[in-house]
Amino acid sequence: MSSGPSRHDPAAFQPPGPEAKVFVISVAAELSGLHPQTLRTYDRLGLVAPGRTGGGGRRYSLRDIELLRTVARLTAEGLGLEGVKRVIELENQVLALQAKVAELQAELVKSHEVQNLPALIADSQVVIWRKMRR
């Protein structure tokens, strides 16, 4: 007899992560508050990129559904789909840059710890120092 959890053991269940493409279009439409045809249009325009099954059916993730809700909110506020696409691109760029800044700050802190130098980063503020001319 095995001591580990069985395949049918509820305690062994691991829910899919936010990136897992698990929702069919009808469920994604219901969760996002949009019509399935709207989801197809957003897919064609590149606003959302659902996964595909072997038969070509769309599968959406929780992250996709959050994105669909964002698109719905922005269009309800009067932004056109090209504007929405640009906003999403810029938000993704900001997130990537924030991650890069955090990575570089951690690298800088580590470098200063190795060299026994005082930390130069305080609350993510930039301080400009200029030598005064006499």
C-alpha atoms as a PDB file:
ATOM      1  CA  MET A   1       0.000   0.000   0.000  1.00  0.00           C
ATOM      2  CA  SER A   2       1.385   3.419  -0.944  1.00  0.00           C
ATOM      3  CA  SER A   3       1.914   6.043   1.735  1.00  0.00           C
ATOM      4  CA  GLY A   4       1.632   9.073  -0.594  1.00  0.00           C
ATOM      5  CA  PRO A   5      -1.611  10.790  -1.625  1.00  0.00           C
ATOM      6  CA  SER A   6      -3.572   9.015  -4.327  1.00  0.00           C
ATOM      7  CA  ARG A   7      -4.721  10.573  -7.568  1.00  0.00           C
ATOM      8  CA  HIS A   8      -8.254  10.851  -6.205  1.00  0.00           C
ATOM      9  CA  ASP A   9      -7.234  12.269  -2.814  1.00  0.00           C
ATOM     10  CA  PRO A  10      -8.707  15.810  -2.450  1.00  0.00           C
ATOM     11  CA  ALA A  11      -5.673  16.831  -0.403  1.00  0.00           C
ATOM     12  CA  ALA A  12      -3.467  16.065  -3.419  1.00  0.00           C
ATOM     13  CA  PHE A  13      -5.352  18.502  -5.681  1.00  0.00           C
ATOM     14  CA  GLN A  14      -3.244  21.398  -6.928  1.00  0.00           C
ATOM     15  CA  PRO A  15      -5.356  24.161  -8.506  1.00  0.00           C
ATOM     16  CA  PRO A  16      -4.105  25.556 -11.792  1.00  0.00           C
ATOM     17  CA  GLY A  17      -2.091  28.754 -11.643  1.00  0.00           C
ATOM     18  CA  PRO A  18      -3.261  32.110 -13.056  1.00  0.00           C
ATOM     19  CA  GLU A  19      -1.507  31.422 -16.372  1.00  0.00           C
ATOM     20  CA  ALA A  20      -3.079  27.975 -16.952  1.00  0.00           C
ATOM     21  CA  LYS A  21      -5.336  28.038 -20.022  1.00  0.00           C
ATOM     22  CA  VAL A  22      -8.287  26.084 -18.639  1.00  0.00           C
ATOM     23  CA  PHE A  23     -11.519  27.993 -19.339  1.00  0.00           C
ATOM     24  CA  VAL A  24     -13.572  27.404 -22.493  1.00  0.00           C
ATOM     25  CA  ILE A  25     -14.861  30.495 -24.275  1.00  0.00           C
ATOM     26  CA  SER A  26     -18.368  30.298 -22.801  1.00  0.00           C
ATOM     27  CA  VAL A  27     -17.011  30.248 -19.246  1.00  0.00           C
ATOM     28  CA  ALA A  28     -14.484  33.014 -19.984  1.00  0.00           C
ATOM     29  CA  ALA A  29     -17.289  35.108 -21.487  1.00  0.00           C
ATOM     30  CA  GLU A  30     -19.439  34.635 -18.398  1.00  0.00           C
ATOM     31  CA  LEU A  31     -16.565  35.386 -16.003  1.00  0.00           C
ATOM     32  CA  SER A  32     -15.535  38.504 -17.923  1.00  0.00           C
ATOM     33  CA  GLY A  33     -19.061  39.753 -18.551  1.00  0.00           C
ATOM     34  CA  LEU A  34     -18.511  39.822 -22.313  1.00  0.00           C
ATOM     35  CA  HIS A  35     -20.173  38.027 -25.213  1.00  0.00           C
ATOM     36  CA  PRO A  36     -18.235  35.075 -26.718  1.00  0.00           C
ATOM     37  CA  GLN A  37     -18.159  36.870 -30.087  1.00  0.00           C
ATOM     38  CA  THR A  38     -16.482  39.839 -28.379  1.00  0.00           C
ATOM     39  CA  LEU A  39     -13.816  37.472 -27.042  1.00  0.00           C
ATOM     40  CA  ARG A  40     -13.232  36.149 -30.560  1.00  0.00           C
ATOM     41  CA  THR A  41     -12.871  39.719 -31.841  1.00  0.00           C
ATOM     42  CA  TYR A  42     -10.404  40.607 -29.091  1.00  0.00           C
ATOM     43  CA  ASP A  43      -8.422  37.476 -29.985  1.00  0.00           C
ATOM     44  CA  ARG A  44      -8.305  38.497 -33.667  1.00  0.00           C
ATOM     45  CA  LEU A  45      -7.177  42.024 -32.697  1.00  0.00           C
ATOM     46  CA  GLY A  46      -4.435  40.639 -30.439  1.00  0.00           C
ATOM     47  CA  LEU A  47      -5.837  42.104 -27.217  1.00  0.00           C
ATOM     48  CA  VAL A  48      -5.872  38.670 -25.599  1.00  0.00           C
ATOM     49  CA  ALA A  49      -4.064  35.477 -26.603  1.00  0.00           C
ATOM     50  CA  PRO A  50      -6.001  32.400 -25.477  1.00  0.00           C
ATOM     51  CA  GLY A  51      -4.455  28.973 -25.738  1.00  0.00           C
ATOM     52  CA  ARG A  52      -5.752  26.493 -28.299  1.00  0.00           C
ATOM     53  CA  THR A  53      -6.840  22.893 -28.035  1.00  0.00           C
ATOM     54  CA  GLY A  54      -5.880  20.321 -30.658  1.00  0.00           C
ATOM     55  CA  GLY A  55      -9.218  20.994 -32.350  1.00  0.00           C
ATOM     56  CA  GLY A  56      -8.669  24.775 -32.353  1.00  0.00           C
ATOM     57  CA  GLY A  57     -10.936  25.662 -29.420  1.00  0.00           C
ATOM     58  CA  ARG A  58      -9.910  28.638 -27.329  1.00  0.00           C
ATOM     59  CA  ARG A  59      -8.851  28.189 -23.701  1.00  0.00           C
ATOM     60  CA  TYR A  60      -8.497  31.166 -21.376  1.00  0.00           C
ATOM     61  CA  SER A  61      -6.550  31.613 -18.141  1.00  0.00           C
ATOM     62  CA  LEU A  62      -7.467  33.635 -15.060  1.00  0.00           C
ATOM     63  CA  ARG A  63      -4.926  36.208 -16.249  1.00  0.00           C
ATOM     64  CA  ASP A  64      -6.723  36.360 -19.633  1.00  0.00           C
ATOM     65  CA  ILE A  65     -10.047  36.921 -17.857  1.00  0.00           C
ATOM     66  CA  GLU A  66      -8.543  39.762 -15.790  1.00  0.00           C
ATOM     67  CA  LEU A  67      -7.274  41.267 -19.039  1.00  0.00           C
ATOM     68  CA  LEU A  68     -10.715  40.931 -20.652  1.00  0.00           C
ATOM     69  CA  ARG A  69     -12.251  42.752 -17.679  1.00  0.00           C
ATOM     70  CA  THR A  70      -9.675  45.519 -18.086  1.00  0.00           C
ATOM     71  CA  VAL A  71     -10.506  45.830 -21.784  1.00  0.00           C
ATOM     72  CA  ALA A  72     -14.223  45.996 -20.949  1.00  0.00           C
ATOM     73  CA  ARG A  73     -13.622  48.688 -18.318  1.00  0.00           C
ATOM     74  CA  LEU A  74     -11.444  50.815 -20.600  1.00  0.00           C
ATOM     75  CA  THR A  75     -13.858  50.594 -23.525  1.00  0.00           C
ATOM     76  CA  ALA A  76     -16.772  51.452 -21.197  1.00  0.00           C
ATOM     77  CA  GLU A  77     -14.794  54.563 -20.208  1.00  0.00           C
ATOM     78  CA  GLY A  78     -14.721  55.574 -23.875  1.00  0.00           C
ATOM     79  CA  LEU A  79     -11.316  54.352 -25.024  1.00  0.00           C
ATOM     80  CA  GLY A  80     -11.156  52.780 -28.495  1.00  0.00           C
ATOM     81  CA  LEU A  81      -9.735  49.300 -29.000  1.00  0.00           C
ATOM     82  CA  GLU A  82      -6.449  50.620 -30.467  1.00  0.00           C
ATOM     83  CA  GLY A  83      -6.091  52.865 -27.411  1.00  0.00           C
ATOM     84  CA  VAL A  84      -6.846  49.927 -25.129  1.00  0.00           C
ATOM     85  CA  LYS A  85      -4.201  47.864 -26.910  1.00  0.00           C
ATOM     86  CA  ARG A  86      -1.647  50.657 -26.412  1.00  0.00           C
ATOM     87  CA  VAL A  87      -2.561  51.074 -22.720  1.00  0.00           C
ATOM     88  CA  ILE A  88      -2.099  47.331 -22.158  1.00  0.00           C
ATOM     89  CA  GLU A  89       1.260  47.390 -23.968  1.00  0.00           C
ATOM     90  CA  LEU A  90       2.421  50.327 -21.844  1.00  0.00           C
ATOM     91  CA  GLU A  91       1.221  48.696 -18.604  1.00  0.00           C
ATOM     92  CA  ASN A  92       3.143  45.527 -19.521  1.00  0.00           C
ATOM     93  CA  GLN A  93       6.211  47.632 -20.304  1.00  0.00           C
ATOM     94  CA  VAL A  94       5.942  49.410 -16.929  1.00  0.00           C
ATOM     95  CA  LEU A  95       5.674  46.056 -15.119  1.00  0.00           C
ATOM     96  CA  ALA A  96       8.726  44.731 -16.961  1.00  0.00           C
ATOM     97  CA  LEU A  97      10.715  47.877 -16.146  1.00  0.00           C
ATOM     98  CA  GLN A  98       9.683  47.740 -12.483  1.00  0.00           C
ATOM     99  CA  ALA A  99      10.861  44.126 -12.316  1.00  0.00           C
ATOM    100  CA  LYS A 100      14.170  45.091 -13.942  1.00  0.00           C
ATOM    101  CA  VAL A 101      14.660  47.992 -11.501  1.00  0.00           C
ATOM    102  CA  ALA A 102      13.987  45.671  -8.548  1.00  0.00           C
ATOM    103  CA  GLU A 103      16.463  43.150  -9.964  1.00  0.00           C
ATOM    104  CA  LEU A 104      19.147  45.823 -10.436  1.00  0.00           C
ATOM    105  CA  GLN A 105      18.526  47.247  -6.957  1.00  0.00           C
ATOM    106  CA  ALA A 106      18.952  43.793  -5.417  1.00  0.00           C
ATOM    107  CA  GLU A 107      22.133  43.307  -7.431  1.00  0.00           C
ATOM    108  CA  LEU A 108      23.462  46.679  -6.260  1.00  0.00           C
ATOM    109  CA  VAL A 109      22.678  45.925  -2.614  1.00  0.00           C
ATOM    110  CA  LYS A 110      24.393  42.538  -2.906  1.00  0.00           C
ATOM    111  CA  SER A 111      27.424  44.135  -4.534  1.00  0.00           C
ATOM    112  CA  HIS A 112      27.707  46.673  -1.727  1.00  0.00           C
ATOM    113  CA  GLU A 113      27.345  43.966   0.918  1.00  0.00           C
ATOM    114  CA  VAL A 114      30.183  42.000  -0.671  1.00  0.00           C
ATOM    115  CA  GLN A 115      32.389  45.103  -0.720  1.00  0.00           C
ATOM    116  CA  ASN A 116      31.308  46.279   2.771  1.00  0.00           C
ATOM    117  CA  LEU A 117      30.009  49.574   1.367  1.00  0.00           C
ATOM    118  CA  PRO A 118      27.013  51.460   2.751  1.00  0.00           C
ATOM    119  CA  ALA A 119      23.744  50.881   0.943  1.00  0.00           C
ATOM    120  CA  LEU A 120      22.938  53.580  -1.604  1.00  0.00           C
ATOM    121  CA  ILE A 121      19.272  52.721  -2.058  1.00  0.00           C
ATOM    122  CA  ALA A 122      16.749  54.275   0.303  1.00  0.00           C
ATOM    123  CA  ASP A 123      13.030  53.959  -0.435  1.00  0.00           C
ATOM    124  CA  SER A 124      13.594  53.942  -4.214  1.00  0.00           C
ATOM    125  CA  GLN A 125      14.343  57.666  -4.257  1.00  0.00           C
ATOM    126  CA  VAL A 126      16.834  59.190  -6.630  1.00  0.00           C
ATOM    127  CA  VAL A 127      19.180  61.779  -5.204  1.00  0.00           C
ATOM    128  CA  ILE A 128      21.280  63.905  -7.538  1.00  0.00           C
ATOM    129  CA  TRP A 129      24.581  65.134  -6.201  1.00  0.00           C
ATOM    130  CA  ARG A 130      26.511  67.866  -7.908  1.00  0.00           C
ATOM    131  CA  LYS A 131      29.878  69.227  -6.934  1.00  0.00           C
ATOM    132  CA  MET A 132      29.622  72.944  -6.266  1.00  0.00           C
ATOM    133  CA  ARG A 133      31.885  75.164  -8.291  1.00  0.00           C
ATOM    134  CA  ARG A 134      33.953  77.762  -6.471  1.00  0.00           C
END
